[in-house]
PDB file of all heavy atoms in Angstrom:
ATOM      1  N   ALA A   1    -154.031-153.505 103.081  1.00  0.00           N
ATOM      2  CA  ALA A   1    -154.192-152.909 101.752  1.00  0.00           C
ATOM      3  C   ALA A   1    -153.296-151.691 101.584  1.00  0.00           C
ATOM      4  O   ALA A   1    -153.017-150.973 102.550  1.00  0.00           O
ATOM      5  CB  ALA A   1    -155.651-152.496 101.544  1.00  0.00           C
ATOM      6  N   PRO A   2    -152.842-151.417 100.363  1.00  0.00           N
ATOM      7  CA  PRO A   2    -152.138-150.157 100.108  1.00  0.00           C
ATOM      8  C   PRO A   2    -153.104-148.986 100.274  1.00  0.00           C
ATOM      9  O   PRO A   2    -154.293-149.089  99.961  1.00  0.00           O
ATOM     10  CB  PRO A   2    -151.667-150.300  98.666  1.00  0.00           C
ATOM     11  CG  PRO A   2    -152.578-151.317  98.059  1.00  0.00           C
ATOM     12  CD  PRO A   2    -152.958-152.258  99.159  1.00  0.00           C
ATOM     13  N   LEU A   3    -152.578-147.873 100.782  1.00  0.00           N
ATOM     14  CA  LEU A   3    -153.385-146.690 101.058  1.00  0.00           C
ATOM     15  C   LEU A   3    -152.959-145.527 100.173  1.00  0.00           C
ATOM     16  O   LEU A   3    -151.770-145.333  99.904  1.00  0.00           O
ATOM     17  CB  LEU A   3    -153.233-146.264 102.519  1.00  0.00           C
ATOM     18  CG  LEU A   3    -153.526-147.283 103.617  1.00  0.00           C
ATOM     19  CD1 LEU A   3    -153.256-146.656 104.980  1.00  0.00           C
ATOM     20  CD2 LEU A   3    -154.954-147.788 103.526  1.00  0.00           C
ATOM     21  N   LEU A   4    -153.937-144.737  99.757  1.00  0.00           N
ATOM     22  CA  LEU A   4    -153.697-143.447  99.104  1.00  0.00           C
ATOM     23  C   LEU A   4    -154.471-142.417  99.909  1.00  0.00           C
ATOM     24  O   LEU A   4    -155.683-142.557 100.093  1.00  0.00           O
ATOM     25  CB  LEU A   4    -154.176-143.472  97.653  1.00  0.00           C
ATOM     26  CG  LEU A   4    -154.061-142.152  96.882  1.00  0.00           C
ATOM     27  CD1 LEU A   4    -152.614-141.691  96.780  1.00  0.00           C
ATOM     28  CD2 LEU A   4    -154.681-142.295  95.483  1.00  0.00           C
ATOM     29  N   ILE A   5    -153.779-141.394 100.377  1.00  0.00           N
ATOM     30  CA  ILE A   5    -154.379-140.458 101.321  1.00  0.00           C
ATOM     31  C   ILE A   5    -154.218-139.033 100.797  1.00  0.00           C
ATOM     32  O   ILE A   5    -153.107-138.597 100.483  1.00  0.00           O
ATOM     33  CB  ILE A   5    -153.724-140.595 102.711  1.00  0.00           C
ATOM     34  CG1 ILE A   5    -153.735-142.064 103.145  1.00  0.00           C
ATOM     35  CG2 ILE A   5    -154.454-139.741 103.736  1.00  0.00           C
ATOM     36  CD1 ILE A   5    -152.798-142.376 104.288  1.00  0.00           C
ATOM     37  N   HIS A   6    -155.336-138.324 100.704  1.00  0.00           N
ATOM     38  CA  HIS A   6    -155.345-136.954 100.203  1.00  0.00           C
ATOM     39  C   HIS A   6    -155.677-135.998 101.353  1.00  0.00           C
ATOM     40  O   HIS A   6    -156.674-136.198 102.067  1.00  0.00           O
ATOM     41  CB  HIS A   6    -156.387-136.777  99.107  1.00  0.00           C
ATOM     42  CG  HIS A   6    -156.199-137.679  97.923  1.00  0.00           C
ATOM     43  ND1 HIS A   6    -155.097-137.609  97.096  1.00  0.00           N
ATOM     44  CD2 HIS A   6    -156.984-138.679  97.413  1.00  0.00           C
ATOM     45  CE1 HIS A   6    -155.206-138.508  96.129  1.00  0.00           C
ATOM     46  NE2 HIS A   6    -156.338-139.174  96.305  1.00  0.00           N
ATOM     47  N   PHE A   7    -154.867-134.958 101.500  1.00  0.00           N
ATOM     48  CA  PHE A   7    -155.075-133.956 102.538  1.00  0.00           C
ATOM     49  C   PHE A   7    -155.251-132.574 101.928  1.00  0.00           C
ATOM     50  O   PHE A   7    -154.603-132.234 100.941  1.00  0.00           O
ATOM     51  CB  PHE A   7    -153.865-133.889 103.485  1.00  0.00           C
ATOM     52  CG  PHE A   7    -153.638-135.109 104.303  1.00  0.00           C
ATOM     53  CD1 PHE A   7    -152.676-136.041 103.938  1.00  0.00           C
ATOM     54  CD2 PHE A   7    -154.374-135.340 105.460  1.00  0.00           C
ATOM     55  CE1 PHE A   7    -152.452-137.166 104.698  1.00  0.00           C
ATOM     56  CE2 PHE A   7    -154.154-136.467 106.233  1.00  0.00           C
ATOM     57  CZ  PHE A   7    -153.196-137.392 105.846  1.00  0.00           C
ATOM     58  N   ALA A   8    -156.119-131.790 102.535  1.00  0.00           N
ATOM     59  CA  ALA A   8    -156.231-130.378 102.177  1.00  0.00           C
ATOM     60  C   ALA A   8    -155.179-129.590 102.946  1.00  0.00           C
ATOM     61  O   ALA A   8    -154.955-129.838 104.138  1.00  0.00           O
ATOM     62  CB  ALA A   8    -157.625-129.857 102.511  1.00  0.00           C
ATOM     63  N   GLY A   9    -154.567-128.648 102.284  1.00  0.00           N
ATOM     64  CA  GLY A   9    -153.496-127.894 102.930  1.00  0.00           C
ATOM     65  C   GLY A   9    -153.950-127.079 104.117  1.00  0.00           C
ATOM     66  O   GLY A   9    -153.204-126.913 105.089  1.00  0.00           O
ATOM     67  N   LEU A  10    -155.182-126.545 104.071  1.00  0.00           N
ATOM     68  CA  LEU A  10    -155.693-125.663 105.124  1.00  0.00           C
ATOM     69  C   LEU A  10    -156.686-126.394 106.025  1.00  0.00           C
ATOM     70  O   LEU A  10    -157.719-125.862 106.393  1.00  0.00           O
ATOM     71  CB  LEU A  10    -156.352-124.433 104.496  1.00  0.00           C
ATOM     72  CG  LEU A  10    -155.449-123.593 103.585  1.00  0.00           C
ATOM     73  CD1 LEU A  10    -156.236-122.462 102.942  1.00  0.00           C
ATOM     74  CD2 LEU A  10    -154.258-123.045 104.355  1.00  0.00           C
ATOM     75  N   ASP A  11    -156.340-127.611 106.394  1.00  0.00           N
ATOM     76  CA  ASP A  11    -157.247-128.471 107.149  1.00  0.00           C
ATOM     77  C   ASP A  11    -156.567-128.929 108.439  1.00  0.00           C
ATOM     78  O   ASP A  11    -156.260-130.105 108.620  1.00  0.00           O
ATOM     79  CB  ASP A  11    -157.648-129.675 106.287  1.00  0.00           C
ATOM     80  CG  ASP A  11    -158.808-130.469 106.857  1.00  0.00           C
ATOM     81  OD1 ASP A  11    -159.377-130.045 107.885  1.00  0.00           O
ATOM     82  OD2 ASP A  11    -159.137-131.513 106.280  1.00  0.00           O
ATOM     83  N   GLU A  12    -156.358-127.977 109.343  1.00  0.00           N
ATOM     84  CA  GLU A  12    -155.612-128.283 110.558  1.00  0.00           C
ATOM     85  C   GLU A  12    -156.288-129.365 111.400  1.00  0.00           C
ATOM     86  O   GLU A  12    -155.619-130.176 112.045  1.00  0.00           O
ATOM     87  CB  GLU A  12    -155.423-127.010 111.395  1.00  0.00           C
ATOM     88  CG  GLU A  12    -154.546-125.963 110.731  1.00  0.00           C
ATOM     89  CD  GLU A  12    -154.357-124.735 111.601  1.00  0.00           C
ATOM     90  OE1 GLU A  12    -154.837-124.748 112.755  1.00  0.00           O
ATOM     91  OE2 GLU A  12    -153.737-123.772 111.122  1.00  0.00           O
ATOM     92  N   ARG A  13    -157.607-129.378 111.390  1.00  0.00           N
ATOM     93  CA  ARG A  13    -158.347-130.342 112.217  1.00  0.00           C
ATOM     94  C   ARG A  13    -157.973-131.782 111.856  1.00  0.00           C
ATOM     95  O   ARG A  13    -157.755-132.611 112.731  1.00  0.00           O
ATOM     96  CB  ARG A  13    -159.856-130.119 112.014  1.00  0.00           C
ATOM     97  CG  ARG A  13    -160.747-131.049 112.800  1.00  0.00           C
ATOM     98  CD  ARG A  13    -162.214-130.687 112.577  1.00  0.00           C
ATOM     99  NE  ARG A  13    -162.570-130.722 111.159  1.00  0.00           N
ATOM    100  CZ  ARG A  13    -162.919-131.839 110.509  1.00  0.00           C
ATOM    101  NH1 ARG A  13    -162.956-132.987 111.150  1.00  0.00           N
ATOM    102  NH2 ARG A  13    -163.237-131.791 109.232  1.00  0.00           N
ATOM    103  N   ILE A  14    -157.892-132.099 110.579  1.00  0.00           N
ATOM    104  CA  ILE A  14    -157.550-133.454 110.135  1.00  0.00           C
ATOM    105  C   ILE A  14    -156.038-133.661 110.129  1.00  0.00           C
ATOM    106  O   ILE A  14    -155.527-134.708 110.570  1.00  0.00           O
ATOM    107  CB  ILE A  14    -158.127-133.718 108.731  1.00  0.00           C
ATOM    108  CG1 ILE A  14    -159.661-133.755 108.776  1.00  0.00           C
ATOM    109  CG2 ILE A  14    -157.575-135.028 108.157  1.00  0.00           C
ATOM    110  CD1 ILE A  14    -160.244-134.861 109.617  1.00  0.00           C
ATOM    111  N   ASN A  15    -155.313-132.680 109.650  1.00  0.00           N
ATOM    112  CA  ASN A  15    -153.873-132.851 109.455  1.00  0.00           C
ATOM    113  C   ASN A  15    -153.100-133.040 110.762  1.00  0.00           C
ATOM    114  O   ASN A  15    -152.036-133.661 110.774  1.00  0.00           O
ATOM    115  CB  ASN A  15    -153.309-131.657 108.693  1.00  0.00           C
ATOM    116  CG  ASN A  15    -153.905-131.525 107.299  1.00  0.00           C
ATOM    117  OD1 ASN A  15    -154.603-132.407 106.829  1.00  0.00           O
ATOM    118  ND2 ASN A  15    -153.633-130.406 106.641  1.00  0.00           N
ATOM    119  N   ALA A  16    -153.651-132.535 111.854  1.00  0.00           N
ATOM    120  CA  ALA A  16    -152.919-132.603 113.124  1.00  0.00           C
ATOM    121  C   ALA A  16    -152.670-134.032 113.583  1.00  0.00           C
ATOM    122  O   ALA A  16    -151.656-134.312 114.244  1.00  0.00           O
ATOM    123  CB  ALA A  16    -153.695-131.838 114.200  1.00  0.00           C
ATOM    124  N   SER A  17    -153.555-134.952 113.236  1.00  0.00           N
ATOM    125  CA  SER A  17    -153.415-136.323 113.713  1.00  0.00           C
ATOM    126  C   SER A  17    -152.615-137.216 112.760  1.00  0.00           C
ATOM    127  O   SER A  17    -152.349-138.385 113.084  1.00  0.00           O
ATOM    128  CB  SER A  17    -154.794-136.951 113.950  1.00  0.00           C
ATOM    129  OG  SER A  17    -155.526-137.019 112.734  1.00  0.00           O
ATOM    130  N   TRP A  18    -152.220-136.681 111.619  1.00  0.00           N
ATOM    131  CA  TRP A  18    -151.528-137.495 110.633  1.00  0.00           C
ATOM    132  C   TRP A  18    -150.134-137.947 111.061  1.00  0.00           C
ATOM    133  O   TRP A  18    -149.781-139.125 110.861  1.00  0.00           O
ATOM    134  CB  TRP A  18    -151.466-136.768 109.293  1.00  0.00           C
ATOM    135  CG  TRP A  18    -150.572-137.414 108.269  1.00  0.00           C
ATOM    136  CD1 TRP A  18    -149.527-136.844 107.629  1.00  0.00           C
ATOM    137  CD2 TRP A  18    -150.658-138.748 107.749  1.00  0.00           C
ATOM    138  NE1 TRP A  18    -148.942-137.719 106.752  1.00  0.00           N
ATOM    139  CE2 TRP A  18    -149.620-138.893 106.807  1.00  0.00           C
ATOM    140  CE3 TRP A  18    -151.502-139.827 108.002  1.00  0.00           C
ATOM    141  CZ2 TRP A  18    -149.404-140.091 106.106  1.00  0.00           C
ATOM    142  CZ3 TRP A  18    -151.295-141.021 107.305  1.00  0.00           C
ATOM    143  CH2 TRP A  18    -150.255-141.144 106.372  1.00  0.00           C
ATOM    144  N   PRO A  19    -149.278-137.112 111.624  1.00  0.00           N
ATOM    145  CA  PRO A  19    -147.930-137.572 111.954  1.00  0.00           C
ATOM    146  C   PRO A  19    -147.902-138.829 112.820  1.00  0.00           C
ATOM    147  O   PRO A  19    -147.106-139.744 112.571  1.00  0.00           O
ATOM    148  CB  PRO A  19    -147.322-136.369 112.682  1.00  0.00           C
ATOM    149  CG  PRO A  19    -148.021-135.191 112.101  1.00  0.00           C
ATOM    150  CD  PRO A  19    -149.430-135.659 111.914  1.00  0.00           C
ATOM    151  N   ALA A  20    -148.765-138.904 113.812  1.00  0.00           N
ATOM    152  CA  ALA A  20    -148.783-140.087 114.684  1.00  0.00           C
ATOM    153  C   ALA A  20    -149.232-141.322 113.916  1.00  0.00           C
ATOM    154  O   ALA A  20    -148.654-142.415 114.079  1.00  0.00           O
ATOM    155  CB  ALA A  20    -149.698-139.845 115.885  1.00  0.00           C
ATOM    156  N   TYR A  21    -150.243-141.161 113.068  1.00  0.00           N
ATOM    157  CA  TYR A  21    -150.722-142.331 112.333  1.00  0.00           C
ATOM    158  C   TYR A  21    -149.728-142.730 111.245  1.00  0.00           C
ATOM    159  O   TYR A  21    -149.520-143.918 110.994  1.00  0.00           O
ATOM    160  CB  TYR A  21    -152.099-142.055 111.716  1.00  0.00           C
ATOM    161  CG  TYR A  21    -152.795-143.327 111.275  1.00  0.00           C
ATOM    162  CD1 TYR A  21    -153.109-144.313 112.202  1.00  0.00           C
ATOM    163  CD2 TYR A  21    -153.125-143.555 109.941  1.00  0.00           C
ATOM    164  CE1 TYR A  21    -153.740-145.491 111.813  1.00  0.00           C
ATOM    165  CE2 TYR A  21    -153.755-144.728 109.542  1.00  0.00           C
ATOM    166  CZ  TYR A  21    -154.057-145.689 110.489  1.00  0.00           C
ATOM    167  OH  TYR A  21    -154.680-146.863 110.106  1.00  0.00           O
ATOM    168  N   GLU A  22    -149.083-141.759 110.630  1.00  0.00           N
ATOM    169  CA  GLU A  22    -148.065-142.077 109.634  1.00  0.00           C
ATOM    170  C   GLU A  22    -146.924-142.864 110.262  1.00  0.00           C
ATOM    171  O   GLU A  22    -146.433-143.849 109.683  1.00  0.00           O
ATOM    172  CB  GLU A  22    -147.526-140.808 108.973  1.00  0.00           C
ATOM    173  CG  GLU A  22    -146.476-141.110 107.912  1.00  0.00           C
ATOM    174  CD  GLU A  22    -145.912-139.871 107.246  1.00  0.00           C
ATOM    175  OE1 GLU A  22    -145.863-138.820 107.901  1.00  0.00           O
ATOM    176  OE2 GLU A  22    -145.527-139.972 106.073  1.00  0.00           O
ATOM    177  N   ALA A  23    -146.506-142.446 111.441  1.00  0.00           N
ATOM    178  CA  ALA A  23    -145.435-143.173 112.126  1.00  0.00           C
ATOM    179  C   ALA A  23    -145.852-144.614 112.402  1.00  0.00           C
ATOM    180  O   ALA A  23    -145.046-145.550 112.261  1.00  0.00           O
ATOM    181  CB  ALA A  23    -145.079-142.468 113.431  1.00  0.00           C
ATOM    182  N   ALA A  24    -147.112-144.813 112.768  1.00  0.00           N
ATOM    183  CA  ALA A  24    -147.610-146.168 113.036  1.00  0.00           C
ATOM    184  C   ALA A  24    -147.666-146.994 111.756  1.00  0.00           C
ATOM    185  O   ALA A  24    -147.361-148.191 111.764  1.00  0.00           O
ATOM    186  CB  ALA A  24    -148.987-146.089 113.686  1.00  0.00           C
ATOM    187  N   LEU A  25    -148.064-146.369 110.632  1.00  0.00           N
ATOM    188  CA  LEU A  25    -148.082-147.078 109.360  1.00  0.00           C
ATOM    189  C   LEU A  25    -146.669-147.501 108.958  1.00  0.00           C
ATOM    190  O   LEU A  25    -146.459-148.628 108.479  1.00  0.00           O
ATOM    191  CB  LEU A  25    -148.697-146.195 108.267  1.00  0.00           C
ATOM    192  CG  LEU A  25    -150.194-145.888 108.363  1.00  0.00           C
ATOM    193  CD1 LEU A  25    -150.584-144.865 107.298  1.00  0.00           C
ATOM    194  CD2 LEU A  25    -151.041-147.151 108.222  1.00  0.00           C
ATOM    195  N   LYS A  26    -145.717-146.610 109.125  1.00  0.00           N
ATOM    196  CA  LYS A  26    -144.331-146.940 108.802  1.00  0.00           C
ATOM    197  C   LYS A  26    -143.835-148.091 109.665  1.00  0.00           C
ATOM    198  O   LYS A  26    -143.196-149.031 109.165  1.00  0.00           O
ATOM    199  CB  LYS A  26    -143.444-145.712 109.006  1.00  0.00           C
ATOM    200  CG  LYS A  26    -143.609-144.630 107.955  1.00  0.00           C
ATOM    201  CD  LYS A  26    -142.674-143.462 108.220  1.00  0.00           C
ATOM    202  CE  LYS A  26    -142.784-142.401 107.142  1.00  0.00           C
ATOM    203  NZ  LYS A  26    -141.894-141.237 107.413  1.00  0.00           N
ATOM    204  N   ALA A  27    -144.136-148.035 110.948  1.00  0.00           N
ATOM    205  CA  ALA A  27    -143.691-149.086 111.856  1.00  0.00           C
ATOM    206  C   ALA A  27    -144.295-150.435 111.495  1.00  0.00           C
ATOM    207  O   ALA A  27    -143.670-151.489 111.687  1.00  0.00           O
ATOM    208  CB  ALA A  27    -144.056-148.721 113.297  1.00  0.00           C
ATOM    209  N   ALA A  28    -145.507-150.412 110.949  1.00  0.00           N
ATOM    210  CA  ALA A  28    -146.199-151.646 110.581  1.00  0.00           C
ATOM    211  C   ALA A  28    -145.839-152.123 109.174  1.00  0.00           C
ATOM    212  O   ALA A  28    -146.287-153.186 108.750  1.00  0.00           O
ATOM    213  CB  ALA A  28    -147.708-151.441 110.683  1.00  0.00           C
ATOM    214  N   GLY A  29    -145.066-151.336 108.445  1.00  0.00           N
ATOM    215  CA  GLY A  29    -144.670-151.718 107.097  1.00  0.00           C
ATOM    216  C   GLY A  29    -145.783-151.599 106.074  1.00  0.00           C
ATOM    217  O   GLY A  29    -145.762-152.277 105.038  1.00  0.00           O
ATOM    218  N   VAL A  30    -146.748-150.719 106.322  1.00  0.00           N
ATOM    219  CA  VAL A  30    -147.880-150.534 105.406  1.00  0.00           C
ATOM    220  C   VAL A  30    -147.439-149.723 104.189  1.00  0.00           C
ATOM    221  O   VAL A  30    -146.692-148.747 104.311  1.00  0.00           O
ATOM    222  CB  VAL A  30    -149.047-149.820 106.122  1.00  0.00           C
ATOM    223  CG1 VAL A  30    -150.174-149.517 105.137  1.00  0.00           C
ATOM    224  CG2 VAL A  30    -149.559-150.668 107.282  1.00  0.00           C
ATOM    225  N   THR A  31    -147.901-150.128 103.020  1.00  0.00           N
ATOM    226  CA  THR A  31    -147.652-149.375 101.797  1.00  0.00           C
ATOM    227  C   THR A  31    -148.652-148.226 101.703  1.00  0.00           C
ATOM    228  O   THR A  31    -149.859-148.459 101.697  1.00  0.00           O
ATOM    229  CB  THR A  31    -147.797-150.274 100.560  1.00  0.00           C
ATOM    230  OG1 THR A  31    -146.845-151.344 100.632  1.00  0.00           O
ATOM    231  CG2 THR A  31    -147.569-149.481  99.279  1.00  0.00           C
ATOM    232  N   TYR A  32    -148.161-147.014 101.661  1.00  0.00           N
ATOM    233  CA  TYR A  32    -149.063-145.864 101.585  1.00  0.00           C
ATOM    234  C   TYR A  32    -148.405-144.733 100.817  1.00  0.00           C
ATOM    235  O   TYR A  32    -147.178-144.623 100.732  1.00  0.00           O
ATOM    236  CB  TYR A  32    -149.450-145.379 102.996  1.00  0.00           C
ATOM    237  CG  TYR A  32    -148.346-144.640 103.712  1.00  0.00           C
ATOM    238  CD1 TYR A  32    -148.230-143.249 103.620  1.00  0.00           C
ATOM    239  CD2 TYR A  32    -147.390-145.323 104.458  1.00  0.00           C
ATOM    240  CE1 TYR A  32    -147.207-142.566 104.247  1.00  0.00           C
ATOM    241  CE2 TYR A  32    -146.359-144.654 105.094  1.00  0.00           C
ATOM    242  CZ  TYR A  32    -146.270-143.275 104.982  1.00  0.00           C
ATOM    243  OH  TYR A  32    -145.242-142.603 105.597  1.00  0.00           O
ATOM    244  N   THR A  33    -149.253-143.881 100.253  1.00  0.00           N
ATOM    245  CA  THR A  33    -148.813-142.651  99.609  1.00  0.00           C
ATOM    246  C   THR A  33    -149.731-141.535 100.094  1.00  0.00           C
ATOM    247  O   THR A  33    -150.962-141.701 100.095  1.00  0.00           O
ATOM    248  CB  THR A  33    -148.909-142.745  98.078  1.00  0.00           C
ATOM    249  OG1 THR A  33    -148.120-143.853  97.626  1.00  0.00           O
ATOM    250  CG2 THR A  33    -148.410-141.466  97.428  1.00  0.00           C
ATOM    251  N   ALA A  34    -149.161-140.432 100.521  1.00  0.00           N
ATOM    252  CA  ALA A  34    -149.948-139.307 101.021  1.00  0.00           C
ATOM    253  C   ALA A  34    -149.605-138.052 100.231  1.00  0.00           C
ATOM    254  O   ALA A  34    -148.433-137.797  99.933  1.00  0.00           O
ATOM    255  CB  ALA A  34    -149.691-139.087 102.503  1.00  0.00           C
ATOM    256  N   HIS A  35    -150.635-137.295  99.888  1.00  0.00           N
ATOM    257  CA  HIS A  35    -150.451-136.031  99.178  1.00  0.00           C
ATOM    258  C   HIS A  35    -151.194-134.933  99.927  1.00  0.00           C
ATOM    259  O   HIS A  35    -152.326-135.119 100.367  1.00  0.00           O
ATOM    260  CB  HIS A  35    -151.027-136.114  97.761  1.00  0.00           C
ATOM    261  CG  HIS A  35    -150.386-137.137  96.891  1.00  0.00           C
ATOM    262  ND1 HIS A  35    -149.139-136.973  96.330  1.00  0.00           N
ATOM    263  CD2 HIS A  35    -150.837-138.357  96.476  1.00  0.00           C
ATOM    264  CE1 HIS A  35    -148.839-138.040  95.605  1.00  0.00           C
ATOM    265  NE2 HIS A  35    -149.851-138.892  95.678  1.00  0.00           N
ATOM    266  N   GLN A  36    -150.541-133.790 100.061  1.00  0.00           N
ATOM    267  CA  GLN A  36    -151.203-132.615 100.610  1.00  0.00           C
ATOM    268  C   GLN A  36    -151.262-131.546  99.516  1.00  0.00           C
ATOM    269  O   GLN A  36    -150.263-131.281  98.841  1.00  0.00           O
ATOM    270  CB  GLN A  36    -150.451-132.068 101.833  1.00  0.00           C
ATOM    271  CG  GLN A  36    -151.204-130.940 102.519  1.00  0.00           C
ATOM    272  CD  GLN A  36    -150.549-130.526 103.837  1.00  0.00           C
ATOM    273  OE1 GLN A  36    -150.120-129.384 103.985  1.00  0.00           O
ATOM    274  NE2 GLN A  36    -150.494-131.444 104.783  1.00  0.00           N
ATOM    275  N   TYR A  37    -152.452-130.948  99.359  1.00  0.00           N
ATOM    276  CA  TYR A  37    -152.694-130.002  98.271  1.00  0.00           C
ATOM    277  C   TYR A  37    -152.701-128.583  98.845  1.00  0.00           C
ATOM    278  O   TYR A  37    -153.648-128.182  99.529  1.00  0.00           O
ATOM    279  CB  TYR A  37    -154.013-130.350  97.577  1.00  0.00           C
ATOM    280  CG  TYR A  37    -153.974-131.747  97.002  1.00  0.00           C
ATOM    281  CD1 TYR A  37    -154.258-132.861  97.809  1.00  0.00           C
ATOM    282  CD2 TYR A  37    -153.594-131.971  95.681  1.00  0.00           C
ATOM    283  CE1 TYR A  37    -154.187-134.157  97.305  1.00  0.00           C
ATOM    284  CE2 TYR A  37    -153.525-133.263  95.169  1.00  0.00           C
ATOM    285  CZ  TYR A  37    -153.817-134.351  95.990  1.00  0.00           C
ATOM    286  OH  TYR A  37    -153.739-135.628  95.488  1.00  0.00           O
ATOM    287  N   ALA A  38    -151.632-127.868  98.584  1.00  0.00           N
ATOM    288  CA  ALA A  38    -151.397-126.562  99.200  1.00  0.00           C
ATOM    289  C   ALA A  38    -152.530-125.583  98.910  1.00  0.00           C
ATOM    290  O   ALA A  38    -153.040-125.494  97.784  1.00  0.00           O
ATOM    291  CB  ALA A  38    -150.077-125.984  98.703  1.00  0.00           C
ATOM    292  N   GLY A  39    -152.928-124.866  99.949  1.00  0.00           N
ATOM    293  CA  GLY A  39    -153.910-123.802  99.798  1.00  0.00           C
ATOM    294  C   GLY A  39    -155.342-124.264  99.668  1.00  0.00           C
ATOM    295  O   GLY A  39    -156.235-123.431  99.459  1.00  0.00           O
ATOM    296  N   THR A  40    -155.606-125.563  99.805  1.00  0.00           N
ATOM    297  CA  THR A  40    -156.970-126.069  99.624  1.00  0.00           C
ATOM    298  C   THR A  40    -157.686-126.234 100.959  1.00  0.00           C
ATOM    299  O   THR A  40    -157.068-126.393 102.007  1.00  0.00           O
ATOM    300  CB  THR A  40    -156.973-127.416  98.890  1.00  0.00           C
ATOM    301  OG1 THR A  40    -156.228-128.376  99.658  1.00  0.00           O
ATOM    302  CG2 THR A  40    -156.365-127.280  97.507  1.00  0.00           C
ATOM    303  N   GLN A  41    -159.013-126.236 100.869  1.00  0.00           N
ATOM    304  CA  GLN A  41    -159.875-126.381 102.039  1.00  0.00           C
ATOM    305  C   GLN A  41    -160.306-127.837 102.209  1.00  0.00           C
ATOM    306  O   GLN A  41    -160.354-128.608 101.244  1.00  0.00           O
ATOM    307  CB  GLN A  41    -161.138-125.521 101.868  1.00  0.00           C
ATOM    308  CG  GLN A  41    -160.884-124.065 101.570  1.00  0.00           C
ATOM    309  CD  GLN A  41    -160.319-123.304 102.758  1.00  0.00           C
ATOM    310  OE1 GLN A  41    -160.634-123.628 103.900  1.00  0.00           O
ATOM    311  NE2 GLN A  41    -159.514-122.299 102.491  1.00  0.00           N
TER     312      GLN A  41
END
């Protein structure tokens, strides 16, 4: 399925694991869009 992913800007706990998973999504050819909202919790 296509993915839409929302991140809080000040959310280090969640954001730290995103680069590895994003790389895996790209390698798998998954359709995704990710947004990070600056300054949010």
